[in-house]
Amino acid sequence: FMDMIGKANSIQFPYDQVLPPALGELHKDTTQEILGL
């Protein structure tokens, strides 16, 4: 893991933790709906 982190061009933190809660929850909700077709 440390090697991956060290070699990474960038690190993306989870959308639902970076975005404001309402938008982060919508991100999770809509992705679950996409997965559920």
PDB file of all heavy atoms in Angstrom:
ATOM      1  N   PHE A   1       0.829  -1.203   0.000  1.00  0.00           N
ATOM      2  CA  PHE A   1       0.000   0.000   0.000  1.00  0.00           C
ATOM      3  C   PHE A   1       0.868   1.259   0.000  1.00  0.00           C
ATOM      4  O   PHE A   1       0.584   2.225  -0.721  1.00  0.00           O
ATOM      5  CB  PHE A   1      -0.932   0.016   1.210  1.00  0.00           C
ATOM      6  CG  PHE A   1      -1.868  -1.156   1.280  1.00  0.00           C
ATOM      7  CD1 PHE A   1      -2.253  -1.693   2.506  1.00  0.00           C
ATOM      8  CD2 PHE A   1      -2.377  -1.737   0.128  1.00  0.00           C
ATOM      9  CE1 PHE A   1      -3.121  -2.766   2.572  1.00  0.00           C
ATOM     10  CE2 PHE A   1      -3.237  -2.815   0.185  1.00  0.00           C
ATOM     11  CZ  PHE A   1      -3.609  -3.337   1.411  1.00  0.00           C
ATOM     12  N   MET A   2       1.918   1.247   0.809  1.00  0.00           N
ATOM     13  CA  MET A   2       2.785   2.415   0.884  1.00  0.00           C
ATOM     14  C   MET A   2       3.504   2.642  -0.447  1.00  0.00           C
ATOM     15  O   MET A   2       3.718   3.780  -0.861  1.00  0.00           O
ATOM     16  CB  MET A   2       3.777   2.255   2.036  1.00  0.00           C
ATOM     17  CG  MET A   2       3.105   2.291   3.408  1.00  0.00           C
ATOM     18  SD  MET A   2       4.201   1.943   4.805  1.00  0.00           S
ATOM     19  CE  MET A   2       5.188   3.422   4.854  1.00  0.00           C
ATOM     20  N   ASP A   3       3.868   1.548  -1.124  1.00  0.00           N
ATOM     21  CA  ASP A   3       4.488   1.669  -2.441  1.00  0.00           C
ATOM     22  C   ASP A   3       3.508   2.281  -3.445  1.00  0.00           C
ATOM     23  O   ASP A   3       3.876   3.142  -4.254  1.00  0.00           O
ATOM     24  CB  ASP A   3       4.966   0.306  -2.940  1.00  0.00           C
ATOM     25  CG  ASP A   3       6.185  -0.205  -2.190  1.00  0.00           C
ATOM     26  OD1 ASP A   3       6.816   0.598  -1.482  1.00  0.00           O
ATOM     27  OD2 ASP A   3       6.486  -1.408  -2.301  1.00  0.00           O
ATOM     28  N   MET A   4       2.249   1.808  -3.412  1.00  0.00           N
ATOM     29  CA  MET A   4       1.223   2.363  -4.301  1.00  0.00           C
ATOM     30  C   MET A   4       1.029   3.850  -4.047  1.00  0.00           C
ATOM     31  O   MET A   4       0.960   4.658  -4.982  1.00  0.00           O
ATOM     32  CB  MET A   4      -0.111   1.624  -4.088  1.00  0.00           C
ATOM     33  CG  MET A   4      -0.159   0.229  -4.649  1.00  0.00           C
ATOM     34  SD  MET A   4      -1.800  -0.505  -4.336  1.00  0.00           S
ATOM     35  CE  MET A   4      -1.682  -2.029  -5.275  1.00  0.00           C
ATOM     36  N   ILE A   5       0.950   4.219  -2.762  1.00  0.00           N
ATOM     37  CA  ILE A   5       0.749   5.622  -2.401  1.00  0.00           C
ATOM     38  C   ILE A   5       1.953   6.447  -2.849  1.00  0.00           C
ATOM     39  O   ILE A   5       1.815   7.548  -3.390  1.00  0.00           O
ATOM     40  CB  ILE A   5       0.522   5.750  -0.884  1.00  0.00           C
ATOM     41  CG1 ILE A   5      -0.839   5.124  -0.502  1.00  0.00           C
ATOM     42  CG2 ILE A   5       0.572   7.206  -0.439  1.00  0.00           C
ATOM     43  CD1 ILE A   5      -1.035   4.936   0.990  1.00  0.00           C
ATOM     44  N   GLY A   6       3.154   5.896  -2.637  1.00  0.00           N
ATOM     45  CA  GLY A   6       4.361   6.614  -3.004  1.00  0.00           C
ATOM     46  C   GLY A   6       4.499   6.831  -4.504  1.00  0.00           C
ATOM     47  O   GLY A   6       5.048   7.851  -4.947  1.00  0.00           O
ATOM     48  N   LYS A   7       4.022   5.875  -5.300  1.00  0.00           N
ATOM     49  CA  LYS A   7       4.142   5.959  -6.750  1.00  0.00           C
ATOM     50  C   LYS A   7       2.964   6.691  -7.401  1.00  0.00           C
ATOM     51  O   LYS A   7       3.016   7.010  -8.593  1.00  0.00           O
ATOM     52  CB  LYS A   7       4.234   4.554  -7.349  1.00  0.00           C
ATOM     53  CG  LYS A   7       5.491   3.795  -6.952  1.00  0.00           C
ATOM     54  CD  LYS A   7       5.448   2.370  -7.481  1.00  0.00           C
ATOM     55  CE  LYS A   7       6.670   1.575  -7.047  1.00  0.00           C
ATOM     56  NZ  LYS A   7       6.596   0.162  -7.492  1.00  0.00           N
ATOM     57  N   ALA A   8       1.926   6.952  -6.640  1.00  0.00           N
ATOM     58  CA  ALA A   8       0.701   7.511  -7.218  1.00  0.00           C
ATOM     59  C   ALA A   8       0.930   8.921  -7.753  1.00  0.00           C
ATOM     60  O   ALA A   8       1.539   9.765  -7.091  1.00  0.00           O
ATOM     61  CB  ALA A   8      -0.413   7.527  -6.181  1.00  0.00           C
ATOM     62  N   ASN A   9       0.416   9.155  -8.942  1.00  0.00           N
ATOM     63  CA  ASN A   9       0.412  10.506  -9.507  1.00  0.00           C
ATOM     64  C   ASN A   9      -0.505  11.415  -8.692  1.00  0.00           C
ATOM     65  O   ASN A   9      -0.209  12.591  -8.495  1.00  0.00           O
ATOM     66  CB  ASN A   9      -0.055  10.438 -10.961  1.00  0.00           C
ATOM     67  CG  ASN A   9      -0.357  11.795 -11.557  1.00  0.00           C
ATOM     68  OD1 ASN A   9       0.515  12.616 -11.711  1.00  0.00           O
ATOM     69  ND2 ASN A   9      -1.631  12.026 -11.867  1.00  0.00           N
ATOM     70  N   SER A  10      -1.607  10.867  -8.201  1.00  0.00           N
ATOM     71  CA  SER A  10      -2.514  11.630  -7.334  1.00  0.00           C
ATOM     72  C   SER A  10      -3.308  10.660  -6.473  1.00  0.00           C
ATOM     73  O   SER A  10      -3.413   9.468  -6.790  1.00  0.00           O
ATOM     74  CB  SER A  10      -3.471  12.501  -8.152  1.00  0.00           C
ATOM     75  OG  SER A  10      -4.489  11.722  -8.741  1.00  0.00           O
ATOM     76  N   ILE A  11      -3.857  11.188  -5.385  1.00  0.00           N
ATOM     77  CA  ILE A  11      -4.708  10.412  -4.484  1.00  0.00           C
ATOM     78  C   ILE A  11      -6.083  11.057  -4.465  1.00  0.00           C
ATOM     79  O   ILE A  11      -6.212  12.258  -4.218  1.00  0.00           O
ATOM     80  CB  ILE A  11      -4.128  10.353  -3.061  1.00  0.00           C
ATOM     81  CG1 ILE A  11      -2.770   9.641  -3.061  1.00  0.00           C
ATOM     82  CG2 ILE A  11      -5.096   9.646  -2.116  1.00  0.00           C
ATOM     83  CD1 ILE A  11      -2.091   9.635  -1.709  1.00  0.00           C
ATOM     84  N   GLN A  12      -7.112  10.257  -4.740  1.00  0.00           N
ATOM     85  CA  GLN A  12      -8.488  10.742  -4.714  1.00  0.00           C
ATOM     86  C   GLN A  12      -9.162  10.272  -3.428  1.00  0.00           C
ATOM     87  O   GLN A  12      -9.315   9.069  -3.212  1.00  0.00           O
ATOM     88  CB  GLN A  12      -9.278  10.217  -5.915  1.00  0.00           C
ATOM     89  CG  GLN A  12     -10.767  10.516  -5.870  1.00  0.00           C
ATOM     90  CD  GLN A  12     -11.053  11.996  -5.918  1.00  0.00           C
ATOM     91  OE1 GLN A  12     -10.783  12.647  -6.914  1.00  0.00           O
ATOM     92  NE2 GLN A  12     -11.601  12.542  -4.842  1.00  0.00           N
ATOM     93  N   PHE A  13      -9.534  11.221  -2.568  1.00  0.00           N
ATOM     94  CA  PHE A  13     -10.279  10.864  -1.376  1.00  0.00           C
ATOM     95  C   PHE A  13     -11.742  10.636  -1.755  1.00  0.00           C
ATOM     96  O   PHE A  13     -12.234  11.171  -2.756  1.00  0.00           O
ATOM     97  CB  PHE A  13     -10.149  11.951  -0.322  1.00  0.00           C
ATOM     98  CG  PHE A  13      -8.777  12.044   0.274  1.00  0.00           C
ATOM     99  CD1 PHE A  13      -7.908  13.064  -0.080  1.00  0.00           C
ATOM    100  CD2 PHE A  13      -8.331  11.089   1.168  1.00  0.00           C
ATOM    101  CE1 PHE A  13      -6.639  13.140   0.450  1.00  0.00           C
ATOM    102  CE2 PHE A  13      -7.072  11.149   1.713  1.00  0.00           C
ATOM    103  CZ  PHE A  13      -6.207  12.179   1.350  1.00  0.00           C
ATOM    104  N   PRO A  14     -12.471   9.819  -0.997  1.00  0.00           N
ATOM    105  CA  PRO A  14     -13.847   9.453  -1.365  1.00  0.00           C
ATOM    106  C   PRO A  14     -14.742  10.672  -1.555  1.00  0.00           C
ATOM    107  O   PRO A  14     -14.718  11.600  -0.758  1.00  0.00           O
ATOM    108  CB  PRO A  14     -14.320   8.604  -0.183  1.00  0.00           C
ATOM    109  CG  PRO A  14     -13.081   8.138   0.478  1.00  0.00           C
ATOM    110  CD  PRO A  14     -12.061   9.202   0.271  1.00  0.00           C
ATOM    111  N   TYR A  15     -15.540  10.624  -2.615  1.00  0.00           N
ATOM    112  CA  TYR A  15     -16.438  11.745  -2.905  1.00  0.00           C
ATOM    113  C   TYR A  15     -17.344  12.052  -1.712  1.00  0.00           C
ATOM    114  O   TYR A  15     -17.581  13.221  -1.394  1.00  0.00           O
ATOM    115  CB  TYR A  15     -17.328  11.413  -4.105  1.00  0.00           C
ATOM    116  CG  TYR A  15     -16.664  11.386  -5.456  1.00  0.00           C
ATOM    117  CD1 TYR A  15     -15.278  11.436  -5.600  1.00  0.00           C
ATOM    118  CD2 TYR A  15     -17.429  11.291  -6.616  1.00  0.00           C
ATOM    119  CE1 TYR A  15     -14.684  11.399  -6.851  1.00  0.00           C
ATOM    120  CE2 TYR A  15     -16.850  11.255  -7.876  1.00  0.00           C
ATOM    121  CZ  TYR A  15     -15.477  11.303  -7.987  1.00  0.00           C
ATOM    122  OH  TYR A  15     -14.904  11.269  -9.232  1.00  0.00           O
ATOM    123  N   ASP A  16     -17.874  11.009  -1.071  1.00  0.00           N
ATOM    124  CA  ASP A  16     -18.848  11.250  -0.011  1.00  0.00           C
ATOM    125  C   ASP A  16     -18.204  11.826   1.241  1.00  0.00           C
ATOM    126  O   ASP A  16     -18.906  12.272   2.148  1.00  0.00           O
ATOM    127  CB  ASP A  16     -19.616   9.969   0.322  1.00  0.00           C
ATOM    128  CG  ASP A  16     -18.734   8.887   0.895  1.00  0.00           C
ATOM    129  OD1 ASP A  16     -17.696   8.571   0.281  1.00  0.00           O
ATOM    130  OD2 ASP A  16     -19.074   8.329   1.956  1.00  0.00           O
ATOM    131  N   GLN A  17     -16.865  11.834   1.293  1.00  0.00           N
ATOM    132  CA  GLN A  17     -16.178  12.452   2.419  1.00  0.00           C
ATOM    133  C   GLN A  17     -15.634  13.829   2.062  1.00  0.00           C
ATOM    134  O   GLN A  17     -15.444  14.671   2.933  1.00  0.00           O
ATOM    135  CB  GLN A  17     -15.055  11.537   2.894  1.00  0.00           C
ATOM    136  CG  GLN A  17     -15.571  10.240   3.495  1.00  0.00           C
ATOM    137  CD  GLN A  17     -14.486   9.214   3.735  1.00  0.00           C
ATOM    138  OE1 GLN A  17     -13.309   9.537   3.764  1.00  0.00           O
ATOM    139  NE2 GLN A  17     -14.869   7.958   3.898  1.00  0.00           N
ATOM    140  N   VAL A  18     -15.382  14.070   0.786  1.00  0.00           N
ATOM    141  CA  VAL A  18     -14.883  15.370   0.346  1.00  0.00           C
ATOM    142  C   VAL A  18     -16.033  16.346   0.113  1.00  0.00           C
ATOM    143  O   VAL A  18     -15.963  17.513   0.496  1.00  0.00           O
ATOM    144  CB  VAL A  18     -14.042  15.219  -0.942  1.00  0.00           C
ATOM    145  CG1 VAL A  18     -13.605  16.590  -1.461  1.00  0.00           C
ATOM    146  CG2 VAL A  18     -12.826  14.338  -0.690  1.00  0.00           C
ATOM    147  N   LEU A  19     -17.104  15.868  -0.507  1.00  0.00           N
ATOM    148  CA  LEU A  19     -18.235  16.726  -0.856  1.00  0.00           C
ATOM    149  C   LEU A  19     -19.074  17.069   0.373  1.00  0.00           C
ATOM    150  O   LEU A  19     -19.042  16.345   1.377  1.00  0.00           O
ATOM    151  CB  LEU A  19     -19.120  16.018  -1.882  1.00  0.00           C
ATOM    152  CG  LEU A  19     -18.489  15.722  -3.247  1.00  0.00           C
ATOM    153  CD1 LEU A  19     -19.414  14.830  -4.069  1.00  0.00           C
ATOM    154  CD2 LEU A  19     -18.189  17.021  -4.000  1.00  0.00           C
ATOM    155  N   PRO A  20     -19.840  18.164   0.316  1.00  0.00           N
ATOM    156  CA  PRO A  20     -20.809  18.434   1.380  1.00  0.00           C
ATOM    157  C   PRO A  20     -21.732  17.216   1.558  1.00  0.00           C
ATOM    158  O   PRO A  20     -22.035  16.518   0.584  1.00  0.00           O
ATOM    159  CB  PRO A  20     -21.587  19.645   0.852  1.00  0.00           C
ATOM    160  CG  PRO A  20     -20.660  20.304  -0.104  1.00  0.00           C
ATOM    161  CD  PRO A  20     -19.865  19.195  -0.736  1.00  0.00           C
ATOM    162  N   PRO A  21     -22.158  16.919   2.774  1.00  0.00           N
ATOM    163  CA  PRO A  21     -22.915  15.686   3.026  1.00  0.00           C
ATOM    164  C   PRO A  21     -24.090  15.428   2.097  1.00  0.00           C
ATOM    165  O   PRO A  21     -24.285  14.307   1.641  1.00  0.00           O
ATOM    166  CB  PRO A  21     -23.370  15.859   4.476  1.00  0.00           C
ATOM    167  CG  PRO A  21     -22.282  16.657   5.092  1.00  0.00           C
ATOM    168  CD  PRO A  21     -21.859  17.639   4.028  1.00  0.00           C
ATOM    169  N   ALA A  22     -24.900  16.449   1.806  1.00  0.00           N
ATOM    170  CA  ALA A  22     -26.067  16.218   0.954  1.00  0.00           C
ATOM    171  C   ALA A  22     -25.650  15.771  -0.440  1.00  0.00           C
ATOM    172  O   ALA A  22     -26.251  14.863  -1.030  1.00  0.00           O
ATOM    173  CB  ALA A  22     -26.919  17.477   0.865  1.00  0.00           C
ATOM    174  N   LEU A  23     -24.594  16.373  -0.974  1.00  0.00           N
ATOM    175  CA  LEU A  23     -24.105  15.995  -2.298  1.00  0.00           C
ATOM    176  C   LEU A  23     -23.394  14.651  -2.243  1.00  0.00           C
ATOM    177  O   LEU A  23     -23.510  13.835  -3.162  1.00  0.00           O
ATOM    178  CB  LEU A  23     -23.171  17.082  -2.832  1.00  0.00           C
ATOM    179  CG  LEU A  23     -22.685  16.943  -4.281  1.00  0.00           C
ATOM    180  CD1 LEU A  23     -23.864  16.836  -5.253  1.00  0.00           C
ATOM    181  CD2 LEU A  23     -21.789  18.127  -4.650  1.00  0.00           C
ATOM    182  N   GLY A  24     -22.663  14.396  -1.163  1.00  0.00           N
ATOM    183  CA  GLY A  24     -22.011  13.101  -1.001  1.00  0.00           C
ATOM    184  C   GLY A  24     -23.007  11.964  -0.905  1.00  0.00           C
ATOM    185  O   GLY A  24     -22.799  10.884  -1.466  1.00  0.00           O
ATOM    186  N   GLU A  25     -24.109  12.196  -0.195  1.00  0.00           N
ATOM    187  CA  GLU A  25     -25.144  11.167  -0.095  1.00  0.00           C
ATOM    188  C   GLU A  25     -25.806  10.936  -1.448  1.00  0.00           C
ATOM    189  O   GLU A  25     -26.106   9.792  -1.812  1.00  0.00           O
ATOM    190  CB  GLU A  25     -26.189  11.573   0.940  1.00  0.00           C
ATOM    191  CG  GLU A  25     -25.722  11.438   2.379  1.00  0.00           C
ATOM    192  CD  GLU A  25     -25.327  10.019   2.735  1.00  0.00           C
ATOM    193  OE1 GLU A  25     -26.107   9.078   2.443  1.00  0.00           O
ATOM    194  OE2 GLU A  25     -24.224   9.830   3.292  1.00  0.00           O
ATOM    195  N   LEU A  26     -26.026  12.010  -2.198  1.00  0.00           N
ATOM    196  CA  LEU A  26     -26.624  11.854  -3.522  1.00  0.00           C
ATOM    197  C   LEU A  26     -25.699  11.050  -4.435  1.00  0.00           C
ATOM    198  O   LEU A  26     -26.169  10.223  -5.222  1.00  0.00           O
ATOM    199  CB  LEU A  26     -26.922  13.219  -4.142  1.00  0.00           C
ATOM    200  CG  LEU A  26     -27.597  13.186  -5.522  1.00  0.00           C
ATOM    201  CD1 LEU A  26     -28.982  12.547  -5.429  1.00  0.00           C
ATOM    202  CD2 LEU A  26     -27.699  14.598  -6.113  1.00  0.00           C
ATOM    203  N   HIS A  27     -24.410  11.293  -4.332  1.00  0.00           N
ATOM    204  CA  HIS A  27     -23.430  10.517  -5.100  1.00  0.00           C
ATOM    205  C   HIS A  27     -23.589   9.027  -4.810  1.00  0.00           C
ATOM    206  O   HIS A  27     -23.629   8.196  -5.729  1.00  0.00           O
ATOM    207  CB  HIS A  27     -22.022  10.998  -4.751  1.00  0.00           C
ATOM    208  CG  HIS A  27     -20.939   9.995  -4.936  1.00  0.00           C
ATOM    209  ND1 HIS A  27     -20.550   9.523  -6.178  1.00  0.00           N
ATOM    210  CD2 HIS A  27     -20.154   9.359  -4.030  1.00  0.00           C
ATOM    211  CE1 HIS A  27     -19.569   8.646  -6.023  1.00  0.00           C
ATOM    212  NE2 HIS A  27     -19.321   8.532  -4.734  1.00  0.00           N
ATOM    213  N   LYS A  28     -23.706   8.666  -3.535  1.00  0.00           N
ATOM    214  CA  LYS A  28     -23.868   7.256  -3.184  1.00  0.00           C
ATOM    215  C   LYS A  28     -25.225   6.722  -3.642  1.00  0.00           C
ATOM    216  O   LYS A  28     -25.327   5.598  -4.143  1.00  0.00           O
ATOM    217  CB  LYS A  28     -23.693   7.063  -1.677  1.00  0.00           C
ATOM    218  CG  LYS A  28     -22.277   7.300  -1.189  1.00  0.00           C
ATOM    219  CD  LYS A  28     -22.096   6.885   0.259  1.00  0.00           C
ATOM    220  CE  LYS A  28     -22.925   7.707   1.203  1.00  0.00           C
ATOM    221  NZ  LYS A  28     -22.686   7.352   2.628  1.00  0.00           N
ATOM    222  N   ASP A  29     -26.270   7.530  -3.447  1.00  0.00           N
ATOM    223  CA  ASP A  29     -27.618   7.101  -3.838  1.00  0.00           C
ATOM    224  C   ASP A  29     -27.700   6.835  -5.343  1.00  0.00           C
ATOM    225  O   ASP A  29     -28.234   5.803  -5.778  1.00  0.00           O
ATOM    226  CB  ASP A  29     -28.646   8.166  -3.461  1.00  0.00           C
ATOM    227  CG  ASP A  29     -28.872   8.274  -1.966  1.00  0.00           C
ATOM    228  OD1 ASP A  29     -28.480   7.337  -1.235  1.00  0.00           O
ATOM    229  OD2 ASP A  29     -29.408   9.310  -1.531  1.00  0.00           O
ATOM    230  N   THR A  30     -27.202   7.791  -6.122  1.00  0.00           N
ATOM    231  CA  THR A  30     -27.320   7.640  -7.574  1.00  0.00           C
ATOM    232  C   THR A  30     -26.442   6.506  -8.091  1.00  0.00           C
ATOM    233  O   THR A  30     -26.840   5.789  -9.015  1.00  0.00           O
ATOM    234  CB  THR A  30     -26.961   8.954  -8.296  1.00  0.00           C
ATOM    235  OG1 THR A  30     -25.675   9.416  -7.861  1.00  0.00           O
ATOM    236  CG2 THR A  30     -27.999  10.025  -8.012  1.00  0.00           C
ATOM    237  N   THR A  31     -25.278   6.313  -7.489  1.00  0.00           N
ATOM    238  CA  THR A  31     -24.426   5.200  -7.924  1.00  0.00           C
ATOM    239  C   THR A  31     -25.071   3.868  -7.595  1.00  0.00           C
ATOM    240  O   THR A  31     -25.014   2.917  -8.390  1.00  0.00           O
ATOM    241  CB  THR A  31     -23.029   5.293  -7.275  1.00  0.00           C
ATOM    242  OG1 THR A  31     -22.458   6.576  -7.537  1.00  0.00           O
ATOM    243  CG2 THR A  31     -22.110   4.225  -7.841  1.00  0.00           C
ATOM    244  N   GLN A  32     -25.724   3.784  -6.428  1.00  0.00           N
ATOM    245  CA  GLN A  32     -26.435   2.549  -6.106  1.00  0.00           C
ATOM    246  C   GLN A  32     -27.571   2.293  -7.102  1.00  0.00           C
ATOM    247  O   GLN A  32     -27.816   1.148  -7.505  1.00  0.00           O
ATOM    248  CB  GLN A  32     -26.988   2.612  -4.678  1.00  0.00           C
ATOM    249  CG  GLN A  32     -27.565   1.268  -4.216  1.00  0.00           C
ATOM    250  CD  GLN A  32     -28.168   1.353  -2.825  1.00  0.00           C
ATOM    251  OE1 GLN A  32     -29.039   2.180  -2.578  1.00  0.00           O
ATOM    252  NE2 GLN A  32     -27.722   0.479  -1.928  1.00  0.00           N
ATOM    253  N   GLU A  33     -28.251   3.356  -7.512  1.00  0.00           N
ATOM    254  CA  GLU A  33     -29.323   3.202  -8.505  1.00  0.00           C
ATOM    255  C   GLU A  33     -28.755   2.786  -9.863  1.00  0.00           C
ATOM    256  O   GLU A  33     -29.364   1.983 -10.573  1.00  0.00           O
ATOM    257  CB  GLU A  33     -30.085   4.525  -8.630  1.00  0.00           C
ATOM    258  CG  GLU A  33     -30.813   4.928  -7.366  1.00  0.00           C
ATOM    259  CD  GLU A  33     -32.323   4.940  -7.561  1.00  0.00           C
ATOM    260  OE1 GLU A  33     -32.831   4.157  -8.370  1.00  0.00           O
ATOM    261  OE2 GLU A  33     -32.978   5.756  -6.891  1.00  0.00           O
ATOM    262  N   ILE A  34     -27.617   3.332 -10.231  1.00  0.00           N
ATOM    263  CA  ILE A  34     -26.961   2.900 -11.465  1.00  0.00           C
ATOM    264  C   ILE A  34     -26.658   1.408 -11.393  1.00  0.00           C
ATOM    265  O   ILE A  34     -26.943   0.647 -12.327  1.00  0.00           O
ATOM    266  CB  ILE A  34     -25.664   3.703 -11.710  1.00  0.00           C
ATOM    267  CG1 ILE A  34     -25.988   5.130 -12.122  1.00  0.00           C
ATOM    268  CG2 ILE A  34     -24.809   3.042 -12.788  1.00  0.00           C
ATOM    269  CD1 ILE A  34     -24.766   6.048 -12.181  1.00  0.00           C
ATOM    270  N   LEU A  35     -26.110   0.979 -10.272  1.00  0.00           N
ATOM    271  CA  LEU A  35     -25.797  -0.446 -10.094  1.00  0.00           C
ATOM    272  C   LEU A  35     -27.066  -1.296 -10.105  1.00  0.00           C
ATOM    273  O   LEU A  35     -27.046  -2.435 -10.575  1.00  0.00           O
ATOM    274  CB  LEU A  35     -25.042  -0.650  -8.779  1.00  0.00           C
ATOM    275  CG  LEU A  35     -23.538  -0.347  -8.828  1.00  0.00           C
ATOM    276  CD1 LEU A  35     -23.000   0.000  -7.445  1.00  0.00           C
ATOM    277  CD2 LEU A  35     -22.795  -1.554  -9.398  1.00  0.00           C
ATOM    278  N   GLY A  36     -28.155  -0.748  -9.601  1.00  0.00           N
ATOM    279  CA  GLY A  36     -29.414  -1.490  -9.583  1.00  0.00           C
ATOM    280  C   GLY A  36     -30.178  -1.422 -10.891  1.00  0.00           C
ATOM    281  O   GLY A  36     -31.270  -1.993 -10.995  1.00  0.00           O
ATOM    282  N   LEU A  37     -29.618  -0.709 -11.865  1.00  0.00           N
ATOM    283  CA  LEU A  37     -30.242  -0.532 -13.187  1.00  0.00           C
ATOM    284  C   LEU A  37     -31.594   0.162 -13.098  1.00  0.00           C
ATOM    285  O   LEU A  37     -32.469  -0.025 -13.943  1.00  0.00           O
ATOM    286  CB  LEU A  37     -30.391  -1.879 -13.907  1.00  0.00           C
ATOM    287  CG  LEU A  37     -29.116  -2.726 -14.064  1.00  0.00           C
ATOM    288  CD1 LEU A  37     -29.434  -4.033 -14.800  1.00  0.00           C
ATOM    289  CD2 LEU A  37     -28.033  -1.937 -14.796  1.00  0.00           C
TER     290      LEU A  37
END
